Amino acid sequence: MIYNNDTLMASQKASVEAFSGLTEKAFSSFEKLVQLNMSTVKAALSQSLESLQTLAAAKDAQSVVALQSSLMQPLSESASAYSRSLYELVSGASADLVSTVESTHAESKKNVAALLENSLKSAPAGSEAAVAAIRSAMTAGNEAVESAQKAAKQAVKLVESNVKPATPAKAG
């Protein structure tokens, strides 16, 4: 069998570049998550201090109970805002990841198929059964990957359809 090193090297280079891009996107998403968490913690601490000061200024038990009830609304709104932001961040990162992986997989699949076809063309006489077995294995492997991708997409859609209704929409 004759291997085309240029094709193989180009495929490997594309894979390394795709991995590098995925790594950059992962770190970018992680940075956004850290920023979201830091701003959420900062806002929660500030809100907690304000709430404590308000409660400390209460004159009697009845006003403390009334203040506690009124302080729950901002807490609920903050939790909803955090959930929305987190969902948007994860959805965006997931979409980027899926898009990159799918395009990389399609290109790699095409390159491997071309490399294999070129190699199989120069197979020695009498190896038709082995060539057919290799082609069959490639087809089965590709079908398994496509089936797994479809199942993963369905799982993501199911999760999204359950998460979206549970995440309150932005007000205003």
N, C-alpha and C. Protein backbone atom coordinates (compact mmCIF):
# COMPACT_ATOMS: atom_id res chain seq x y z
N MET A 1 0.84 -1.18 0.00
CA MET A 1 0.00 0.00 0.00
C MET A 1 0.88 1.24 0.00
N ILE A 2 0.45 2.23 -0.74
CA ILE A 2 1.18 3.48 -0.82
C ILE A 2 0.42 4.54 -0.02
N TYR A 3 1.12 5.18 0.90
CA TYR A 3 0.49 6.21 1.72
C TYR A 3 0.91 7.58 1.21
N ASN A 4 -0.01 8.49 1.19
CA ASN A 4 0.28 9.86 0.79
C ASN A 4 0.54 10.65 2.07
N ASN A 5 1.81 10.88 2.35
CA ASN A 5 2.20 11.56 3.59
C ASN A 5 1.67 12.99 3.66
N ASP A 6 1.59 13.66 2.52
CA ASP A 6 1.11 15.04 2.52
C ASP A 6 -0.34 15.11 3.00
N THR A 7 -1.16 14.19 2.52
CA THR A 7 -2.57 14.17 2.94
C THR A 7 -2.67 13.87 4.43
N LEU A 8 -1.90 12.89 4.87
CA LEU A 8 -1.91 12.52 6.29
C LEU A 8 -1.42 13.68 7.16
N MET A 9 -0.37 14.34 6.75
CA MET A 9 0.16 15.47 7.51
C MET A 9 -0.83 16.63 7.54
N ALA A 10 -1.48 16.90 6.42
CA ALA A 10 -2.48 17.97 6.38
C ALA A 10 -3.65 17.66 7.30
N SER A 11 -4.05 16.40 7.32
CA SER A 11 -5.14 15.98 8.21
C SER A 11 -4.73 16.15 9.67
N GLN A 12 -3.53 15.74 10.00
CA GLN A 12 -3.03 15.88 11.37
C GLN A 12 -2.91 17.35 11.77
N LYS A 13 -2.43 18.18 10.85
CA LYS A 13 -2.30 19.61 11.12
C LYS A 13 -3.68 20.22 11.37
N ALA A 14 -4.66 19.84 10.57
CA ALA A 14 -6.03 20.35 10.76
C ALA A 14 -6.59 19.90 12.10
N SER A 15 -6.29 18.68 12.51
CA SER A 15 -6.76 18.18 13.80
C SER A 15 -6.13 18.95 14.95
N VAL A 16 -4.84 19.23 14.85
CA VAL A 16 -4.15 19.99 15.90
C VAL A 16 -4.72 21.42 15.97
N GLU A 17 -4.96 22.02 14.82
CA GLU A 17 -5.54 23.37 14.80
C GLU A 17 -6.95 23.38 15.39
N ALA A 18 -7.73 22.36 15.09
CA ALA A 18 -9.08 22.26 15.64
C ALA A 18 -9.01 22.09 17.16
N PHE A 19 -8.10 21.26 17.63
CA PHE A 19 -7.93 21.06 19.07
C PHE A 19 -7.50 22.36 19.74
N SER A 20 -6.61 23.09 19.10
CA SER A 20 -6.17 24.37 19.63
C SER A 20 -7.33 25.35 19.72
N GLY A 21 -8.16 25.38 18.69
CA GLY A 21 -9.33 26.25 18.70
C GLY A 21 -10.31 25.87 19.79
N LEU A 22 -10.52 24.57 19.98
CA LEU A 22 -11.41 24.10 21.04
C LEU A 22 -10.87 24.48 22.41
N THR A 23 -9.57 24.36 22.58
CA THR A 23 -8.95 24.71 23.85
C THR A 23 -9.13 26.21 24.14
N GLU A 24 -8.93 27.04 23.14
CA GLU A 24 -9.13 28.48 23.31
C GLU A 24 -10.57 28.79 23.67
N LYS A 25 -11.52 28.14 23.00
CA LYS A 25 -12.94 28.36 23.30
C LYS A 25 -13.29 27.89 24.70
N ALA A 26 -12.70 26.77 25.11
CA ALA A 26 -12.97 26.26 26.47
C ALA A 26 -12.45 27.24 27.52
N PHE A 27 -11.25 27.75 27.32
CA PHE A 27 -10.70 28.71 28.28
C PHE A 27 -11.50 30.01 28.29
N SER A 28 -11.93 30.44 27.13
CA SER A 28 -12.75 31.65 27.04
C SER A 28 -14.06 31.45 27.79
N SER A 29 -14.67 30.32 27.61
CA SER A 29 -15.92 30.02 28.32
C SER A 29 -15.69 29.94 29.82
N PHE A 30 -14.57 29.35 30.20
CA PHE A 30 -14.23 29.25 31.62
C PHE A 30 -14.03 30.64 32.23
N GLU A 31 -13.34 31.51 31.48
CA GLU A 31 -13.15 32.89 31.95
C GLU A 31 -14.49 33.59 32.15
N LYS A 32 -15.40 33.40 31.20
CA LYS A 32 -16.73 34.01 31.31
C LYS A 32 -17.47 33.46 32.52
N LEU A 33 -17.32 32.17 32.78
CA LEU A 33 -17.97 31.56 33.94
C LEU A 33 -17.40 32.13 35.23
N VAL A 34 -16.09 32.29 35.30
CA VAL A 34 -15.46 32.87 36.49
C VAL A 34 -15.94 34.31 36.68
N GLN A 35 -16.01 35.08 35.59
CA GLN A 35 -16.50 36.46 35.69
C GLN A 35 -17.94 36.49 36.17
N LEU A 36 -18.77 35.61 35.64
CA LEU A 36 -20.17 35.54 36.06
C LEU A 36 -20.26 35.20 37.54
N ASN A 37 -19.51 34.20 37.98
CA ASN A 37 -19.54 33.81 39.39
C ASN A 37 -19.01 34.91 40.30
N MET A 38 -17.95 35.58 39.88
CA MET A 38 -17.40 36.66 40.71
C MET A 38 -18.39 37.82 40.84
N SER A 39 -18.99 38.20 39.74
CA SER A 39 -19.95 39.31 39.81
C SER A 39 -21.19 38.90 40.60
N THR A 40 -21.59 37.64 40.50
CA THR A 40 -22.74 37.17 41.26
C THR A 40 -22.43 37.16 42.75
N VAL A 41 -21.25 36.69 43.11
CA VAL A 41 -20.85 36.67 44.53
C VAL A 41 -20.74 38.09 45.06
N LYS A 42 -20.15 38.97 44.29
CA LYS A 42 -20.01 40.36 44.71
C LYS A 42 -21.39 41.00 44.94
N ALA A 43 -22.31 40.79 44.01
CA ALA A 43 -23.66 41.34 44.14
C ALA A 43 -24.38 40.71 45.33
N ALA A 44 -24.20 39.42 45.54
CA ALA A 44 -24.86 38.74 46.66
C ALA A 44 -24.34 39.26 48.00
N LEU A 45 -23.04 39.48 48.09
CA LEU A 45 -22.47 40.02 49.33
C LEU A 45 -23.00 41.43 49.60
N SER A 46 -23.03 42.24 48.57
CA SER A 46 -23.53 43.60 48.72
C SER A 46 -24.99 43.59 49.14
N GLN A 47 -25.77 42.74 48.49
CA GLN A 47 -27.19 42.63 48.81
C GLN A 47 -27.40 42.10 50.24
N SER A 48 -26.56 41.16 50.64
CA SER A 48 -26.65 40.61 51.99
C SER A 48 -26.35 41.67 53.04
N LEU A 49 -25.33 42.47 52.79
CA LEU A 49 -24.98 43.53 53.74
C LEU A 49 -26.11 44.57 53.86
N GLU A 50 -26.67 44.93 52.72
CA GLU A 50 -27.80 45.87 52.74
C GLU A 50 -28.98 45.28 53.50
N SER A 51 -29.24 44.00 53.29
CA SER A 51 -30.35 43.35 53.97
C SER A 51 -30.11 43.30 55.48
N LEU A 52 -28.88 42.99 55.87
CA LEU A 52 -28.56 42.94 57.30
C LEU A 52 -28.71 44.32 57.94
N GLN A 53 -28.28 45.35 57.23
CA GLN A 53 -28.42 46.71 57.76
C GLN A 53 -29.89 47.08 57.90
N THR A 54 -30.69 46.70 56.94
CA THR A 54 -32.12 46.99 56.99
C THR A 54 -32.78 46.24 58.14
N LEU A 55 -32.41 44.98 58.30
CA LEU A 55 -32.98 44.18 59.40
C LEU A 55 -32.52 44.71 60.76
N ALA A 56 -31.29 45.17 60.84
CA ALA A 56 -30.78 45.70 62.10
C ALA A 56 -31.50 46.98 62.50
N ALA A 57 -31.99 47.71 61.52
CA ALA A 57 -32.69 48.96 61.80
C ALA A 57 -34.15 48.74 62.18
N ALA A 58 -34.63 47.50 62.08
CA ALA A 58 -36.03 47.21 62.40
C ALA A 58 -36.28 47.44 63.89
N LYS A 59 -37.46 47.95 64.20
CA LYS A 59 -37.79 48.32 65.58
C LYS A 59 -38.46 47.20 66.37
N ASP A 60 -39.22 46.35 65.69
CA ASP A 60 -39.92 45.28 66.41
C ASP A 60 -39.98 44.01 65.57
N ALA A 61 -40.49 42.93 66.16
CA ALA A 61 -40.53 41.62 65.49
C ALA A 61 -41.43 41.64 64.26
N GLN A 62 -42.51 42.38 64.33
CA GLN A 62 -43.44 42.44 63.20
C GLN A 62 -42.77 43.08 61.97
N SER A 63 -42.00 44.12 62.18
CA SER A 63 -41.31 44.75 61.05
C SER A 63 -40.19 43.87 60.52
N VAL A 64 -39.56 43.05 61.39
CA VAL A 64 -38.53 42.12 60.93
C VAL A 64 -39.15 41.07 60.00
N VAL A 65 -40.32 40.55 60.38
CA VAL A 65 -41.01 39.56 59.54
C VAL A 65 -41.39 40.17 58.20
N ALA A 66 -41.89 41.39 58.22
CA ALA A 66 -42.28 42.07 56.98
C ALA A 66 -41.05 42.31 56.09
N LEU A 67 -39.94 42.71 56.68
CA LEU A 67 -38.71 42.94 55.92
C LEU A 67 -38.16 41.64 55.32
N GLN A 68 -38.23 40.56 56.08
CA GLN A 68 -37.74 39.29 55.57
C GLN A 68 -38.52 38.87 54.32
N SER A 69 -39.81 39.07 54.35
CA SER A 69 -40.63 38.73 53.19
C SER A 69 -40.25 39.59 51.98
N SER A 70 -40.04 40.88 52.21
CA SER A 70 -39.70 41.76 51.09
C SER A 70 -38.28 41.52 50.55
N LEU A 71 -37.42 40.95 51.37
CA LEU A 71 -36.04 40.68 50.94
C LEU A 71 -35.93 39.41 50.09
N MET A 72 -36.94 38.58 50.11
CA MET A 72 -36.90 37.35 49.33
C MET A 72 -37.04 37.61 47.82
N GLN A 73 -37.77 38.64 47.45
CA GLN A 73 -37.99 38.94 46.02
C GLN A 73 -36.67 39.24 45.29
N PRO A 74 -35.83 40.13 45.81
CA PRO A 74 -34.56 40.39 45.11
C PRO A 74 -33.67 39.14 45.04
N LEU A 75 -33.73 38.31 46.07
CA LEU A 75 -32.94 37.08 46.07
C LEU A 75 -33.40 36.15 44.96
N SER A 76 -34.70 36.03 44.81
CA SER A 76 -35.28 35.20 43.75
C SER A 76 -34.91 35.75 42.36
N GLU A 77 -34.98 37.05 42.21
CA GLU A 77 -34.63 37.68 40.93
C GLU A 77 -33.15 37.47 40.61
N SER A 78 -32.30 37.57 41.61
CA SER A 78 -30.86 37.36 41.40
C SER A 78 -30.58 35.92 40.98
N ALA A 79 -31.25 34.98 41.63
CA ALA A 79 -31.06 33.58 41.28
C ALA A 79 -31.52 33.31 39.85
N SER A 80 -32.64 33.91 39.47
CA SER A 80 -33.14 33.74 38.10
C SER A 80 -32.18 34.35 37.09
N ALA A 81 -31.67 35.53 37.38
CA ALA A 81 -30.73 36.18 36.48
C ALA A 81 -29.45 35.34 36.32
N TYR A 82 -28.97 34.79 37.43
CA TYR A 82 -27.78 33.94 37.37
C TYR A 82 -28.06 32.70 36.52
N SER A 83 -29.22 32.08 36.74
CA SER A 83 -29.59 30.89 35.97
C SER A 83 -29.65 31.19 34.48
N ARG A 84 -30.26 32.32 34.11
CA ARG A 84 -30.33 32.72 32.70
C ARG A 84 -28.95 32.91 32.12
N SER A 85 -28.12 33.65 32.84
CA SER A 85 -26.76 33.92 32.34
C SER A 85 -25.95 32.64 32.20
N LEU A 86 -26.07 31.76 33.17
CA LEU A 86 -25.35 30.50 33.12
C LEU A 86 -25.84 29.65 31.95
N TYR A 87 -27.14 29.61 31.77
CA TYR A 87 -27.72 28.84 30.66
C TYR A 87 -27.23 29.38 29.32
N GLU A 88 -27.22 30.70 29.16
CA GLU A 88 -26.76 31.32 27.91
C GLU A 88 -25.28 31.00 27.67
N LEU A 89 -24.48 31.07 28.72
CA LEU A 89 -23.05 30.78 28.62
C LEU A 89 -22.82 29.34 28.20
N VAL A 90 -23.47 28.42 28.87
CA VAL A 90 -23.29 27.00 28.57
C VAL A 90 -23.84 26.66 27.19
N SER A 91 -24.97 27.23 26.83
CA SER A 91 -25.55 26.97 25.50
C SER A 91 -24.62 27.46 24.40
N GLY A 92 -24.07 28.65 24.58
CA GLY A 92 -23.14 29.20 23.57
C GLY A 92 -21.88 28.36 23.46
N ALA A 93 -21.33 27.97 24.59
CA ALA A 93 -20.11 27.15 24.57
C ALA A 93 -20.40 25.79 23.94
N SER A 94 -21.53 25.22 24.27
CA SER A 94 -21.91 23.92 23.72
C SER A 94 -22.10 24.00 22.20
N ALA A 95 -22.75 25.06 21.75
CA ALA A 95 -22.96 25.22 20.30
C ALA A 95 -21.62 25.35 19.57
N ASP A 96 -20.70 26.12 20.14
CA ASP A 96 -19.37 26.26 19.54
C ASP A 96 -18.65 24.92 19.48
N LEU A 97 -18.72 24.19 20.56
CA LEU A 97 -18.05 22.89 20.64
C LEU A 97 -18.62 21.92 19.61
N VAL A 98 -19.94 21.82 19.57
CA VAL A 98 -20.58 20.90 18.63
C VAL A 98 -20.25 21.27 17.20
N SER A 99 -20.32 22.55 16.89
CA SER A 99 -20.03 23.02 15.53
C SER A 99 -18.60 22.66 15.12
N THR A 100 -17.66 22.92 15.99
CA THR A 100 -16.25 22.65 15.68
C THR A 100 -16.01 21.15 15.53
N VAL A 101 -16.56 20.37 16.45
CA VAL A 101 -16.34 18.92 16.40
C VAL A 101 -16.96 18.34 15.14
N GLU A 102 -18.16 18.78 14.80
CA GLU A 102 -18.81 18.24 13.61
C GLU A 102 -18.05 18.58 12.34
N SER A 103 -17.60 19.83 12.22
CA SER A 103 -16.87 20.20 11.00
C SER A 103 -15.52 19.49 10.94
N THR A 104 -14.87 19.35 12.07
CA THR A 104 -13.58 18.65 12.10
C THR A 104 -13.77 17.17 11.78
N HIS A 105 -14.83 16.59 12.35
CA HIS A 105 -15.09 15.17 12.08
C HIS A 105 -15.38 14.95 10.60
N ALA A 106 -16.18 15.81 10.01
CA ALA A 106 -16.52 15.66 8.59
C ALA A 106 -15.26 15.74 7.72
N GLU A 107 -14.40 16.70 8.03
CA GLU A 107 -13.17 16.85 7.24
C GLU A 107 -12.24 15.66 7.45
N SER A 108 -12.10 15.22 8.69
CA SER A 108 -11.25 14.06 8.98
C SER A 108 -11.79 12.81 8.30
N LYS A 109 -13.09 12.64 8.35
CA LYS A 109 -13.72 11.48 7.71
C LYS A 109 -13.43 11.47 6.22
N LYS A 110 -13.55 12.64 5.61
CA LYS A 110 -13.28 12.75 4.17
C LYS A 110 -11.81 12.44 3.86
N ASN A 111 -10.90 12.96 4.67
CA ASN A 111 -9.47 12.73 4.45
C ASN A 111 -9.09 11.27 4.65
N VAL A 112 -9.62 10.66 5.69
CA VAL A 112 -9.31 9.25 5.95
C VAL A 112 -9.86 8.38 4.84
N ALA A 113 -11.09 8.69 4.40
CA ALA A 113 -11.69 7.90 3.31
C ALA A 113 -10.86 8.02 2.04
N ALA A 114 -10.40 9.23 1.72
CA ALA A 114 -9.58 9.42 0.53
C ALA A 114 -8.24 8.69 0.66
N LEU A 115 -7.64 8.78 1.82
CA LEU A 115 -6.36 8.10 2.06
C LEU A 115 -6.55 6.59 1.96
N LEU A 116 -7.62 6.10 2.55
CA LEU A 116 -7.89 4.66 2.50
C LEU A 116 -8.16 4.20 1.06
N GLU A 117 -8.95 4.96 0.33
CA GLU A 117 -9.24 4.59 -1.06
C GLU A 117 -7.97 4.55 -1.90
N ASN A 118 -7.12 5.55 -1.72
CA ASN A 118 -5.85 5.56 -2.46
C ASN A 118 -4.99 4.36 -2.10
N SER A 119 -5.00 4.01 -0.82
CA SER A 119 -4.21 2.87 -0.36
C SER A 119 -4.78 1.56 -0.89
N LEU A 120 -6.11 1.46 -0.89
CA LEU A 120 -6.75 0.22 -1.32
C LEU A 120 -6.62 0.00 -2.83
N LYS A 121 -6.47 1.08 -3.58
CA LYS A 121 -6.31 0.95 -5.03
C LYS A 121 -5.04 0.18 -5.39
N SER A 122 -4.05 0.32 -4.55
CA SER A 122 -2.78 -0.36 -4.83
C SER A 122 -2.63 -1.66 -4.05
N ALA A 123 -3.75 -2.20 -3.55
CA ALA A 123 -3.70 -3.47 -2.83
C ALA A 123 -3.30 -4.58 -3.79
N PRO A 124 -2.57 -5.55 -3.31
CA PRO A 124 -2.13 -6.64 -4.19
C PRO A 124 -3.31 -7.50 -4.68
N ALA A 125 -3.10 -8.14 -5.77
CA ALA A 125 -4.14 -9.01 -6.33
C ALA A 125 -4.49 -10.10 -5.33
N GLY A 126 -5.76 -10.47 -5.29
CA GLY A 126 -6.21 -11.51 -4.37
C GLY A 126 -6.61 -10.99 -3.00
N SER A 127 -6.52 -9.70 -2.79
CA SER A 127 -6.88 -9.14 -1.49
C SER A 127 -8.24 -8.46 -1.51
N GLU A 128 -9.07 -8.84 -2.48
CA GLU A 128 -10.39 -8.22 -2.62
C GLU A 128 -11.24 -8.41 -1.37
N ALA A 129 -11.15 -9.58 -0.76
CA ALA A 129 -11.95 -9.85 0.45
C ALA A 129 -11.51 -8.93 1.60
N ALA A 130 -10.21 -8.75 1.74
CA ALA A 130 -9.70 -7.87 2.79
C ALA A 130 -10.10 -6.42 2.52
N VAL A 131 -10.04 -6.00 1.27
CA VAL A 131 -10.44 -4.64 0.89
C VAL A 131 -11.91 -4.43 1.19
N ALA A 132 -12.74 -5.43 0.85
CA ALA A 132 -14.17 -5.33 1.13
C ALA A 132 -14.43 -5.27 2.63
N ALA A 133 -13.67 -6.03 3.39
CA ALA A 133 -13.83 -6.02 4.86
C ALA A 133 -13.45 -4.65 5.44
N ILE A 134 -12.39 -4.07 4.93
CA ILE A 134 -11.96 -2.75 5.40
C ILE A 134 -13.02 -1.70 5.06
N ARG A 135 -13.53 -1.74 3.83
CA ARG A 135 -14.58 -0.79 3.43
C ARG A 135 -15.83 -0.97 4.29
N SER A 136 -16.17 -2.21 4.56
CA SER A 136 -17.34 -2.50 5.38
C SER A 136 -17.14 -1.97 6.81
N ALA A 137 -15.96 -2.16 7.34
CA ALA A 137 -15.64 -1.67 8.69
C ALA A 137 -15.70 -0.14 8.73
N MET A 138 -15.19 0.51 7.70
CA MET A 138 -15.24 1.98 7.64
C MET A 138 -16.69 2.46 7.59
N THR A 139 -17.50 1.81 6.77
CA THR A 139 -18.91 2.19 6.67
C THR A 139 -19.61 1.99 8.01
N ALA A 140 -19.37 0.86 8.65
CA ALA A 140 -20.00 0.58 9.95
C ALA A 140 -19.54 1.59 11.00
N GLY A 141 -18.27 1.92 10.99
CA GLY A 141 -17.75 2.90 11.94
C GLY A 141 -18.36 4.28 11.73
N ASN A 142 -18.46 4.69 10.47
CA ASN A 142 -19.07 5.99 10.17
C ASN A 142 -20.54 6.03 10.58
N GLU A 143 -21.25 4.92 10.32
CA GLU A 143 -22.66 4.86 10.71
C GLU A 143 -22.81 4.90 12.23
N ALA A 144 -21.90 4.27 12.96
CA ALA A 144 -21.95 4.29 14.43
C ALA A 144 -21.72 5.70 14.95
N VAL A 145 -20.76 6.40 14.36
CA VAL A 145 -20.49 7.78 14.79
C VAL A 145 -21.69 8.67 14.49
N GLU A 146 -22.27 8.53 13.31
CA GLU A 146 -23.44 9.34 12.95
C GLU A 146 -24.62 9.04 13.87
N SER A 147 -24.79 7.79 14.22
CA SER A 147 -25.87 7.40 15.14
C SER A 147 -25.64 8.01 16.52
N ALA A 148 -24.40 7.99 16.98
CA ALA A 148 -24.07 8.59 18.28
C ALA A 148 -24.28 10.10 18.26
N GLN A 149 -23.94 10.74 17.15
CA GLN A 149 -24.16 12.18 17.03
C GLN A 149 -25.64 12.51 17.07
N LYS A 150 -26.45 11.72 16.38
CA LYS A 150 -27.89 11.96 16.38
C LYS A 150 -28.46 11.78 17.79
N ALA A 151 -28.01 10.76 18.48
CA ALA A 151 -28.48 10.52 19.85
C ALA A 151 -28.07 11.66 20.77
N ALA A 152 -26.85 12.16 20.61
CA ALA A 152 -26.38 13.27 21.43
C ALA A 152 -27.19 14.53 21.16
N LYS A 153 -27.49 14.79 19.88
CA LYS A 153 -28.30 15.96 19.53
C LYS A 153 -29.70 15.85 20.13
N GLN A 154 -30.27 14.66 20.08
CA GLN A 154 -31.60 14.46 20.66
C GLN A 154 -31.56 14.68 22.17
N ALA A 155 -30.51 14.21 22.81
CA ALA A 155 -30.38 14.40 24.26
C ALA A 155 -30.26 15.88 24.60
N VAL A 156 -29.48 16.62 23.81
CA VAL A 156 -29.32 18.06 24.03
C VAL A 156 -30.66 18.77 23.85
N LYS A 157 -31.39 18.41 22.80
CA LYS A 157 -32.70 19.02 22.56
C LYS A 157 -33.65 18.73 23.71
N LEU A 158 -33.62 17.51 24.22
CA LEU A 158 -34.48 17.14 25.34
C LEU A 158 -34.14 17.96 26.58
N VAL A 159 -32.86 18.09 26.86
CA VAL A 159 -32.44 18.88 28.03
C VAL A 159 -32.83 20.34 27.84
N GLU A 160 -32.58 20.88 26.64
CA GLU A 160 -32.94 22.28 26.38
C GLU A 160 -34.44 22.50 26.50
N SER A 161 -35.23 21.55 26.02
CA SER A 161 -36.68 21.72 26.10
C SER A 161 -37.17 21.67 27.54
N ASN A 162 -36.42 21.02 28.41
CA ASN A 162 -36.78 20.99 29.83
C ASN A 162 -36.22 22.17 30.60
N VAL A 163 -35.07 22.69 30.16
CA VAL A 163 -34.43 23.80 30.87
C VAL A 163 -35.06 25.14 30.51
N LYS A 164 -35.36 25.36 29.24
CA LYS A 164 -35.91 26.65 28.81
C LYS A 164 -37.17 27.04 29.56
N PRO A 165 -38.17 26.14 29.70
CA PRO A 165 -39.36 26.53 30.46
C PRO A 165 -39.07 26.80 31.94
N ALA A 166 -38.05 26.16 32.47
CA ALA A 166 -37.72 26.33 33.89
C ALA A 166 -36.91 27.59 34.15
N THR A 167 -36.37 28.20 33.10
CA THR A 167 -35.58 29.42 33.24
C THR A 167 -36.45 30.61 32.91
N PRO A 168 -36.70 31.47 33.90
CA PRO A 168 -37.56 32.64 33.65
C PRO A 168 -36.97 33.55 32.58
N ALA A 169 -37.82 34.13 31.78
CA ALA A 169 -37.40 35.07 30.74
C ALA A 169 -36.96 36.38 31.37
N LYS A 170 -36.10 37.11 30.64
CA LYS A 170 -35.66 38.41 31.12
C LYS A 170 -36.81 39.38 31.15
N ALA A 171 -36.87 40.14 32.22
CA ALA A 171 -37.91 41.16 32.32
C ALA A 171 -37.44 42.43 31.63
N GLY A 172 -38.34 43.04 30.85
CA GLY A 172 -38.03 44.32 30.21
C GLY A 172 -37.24 44.07 29.01
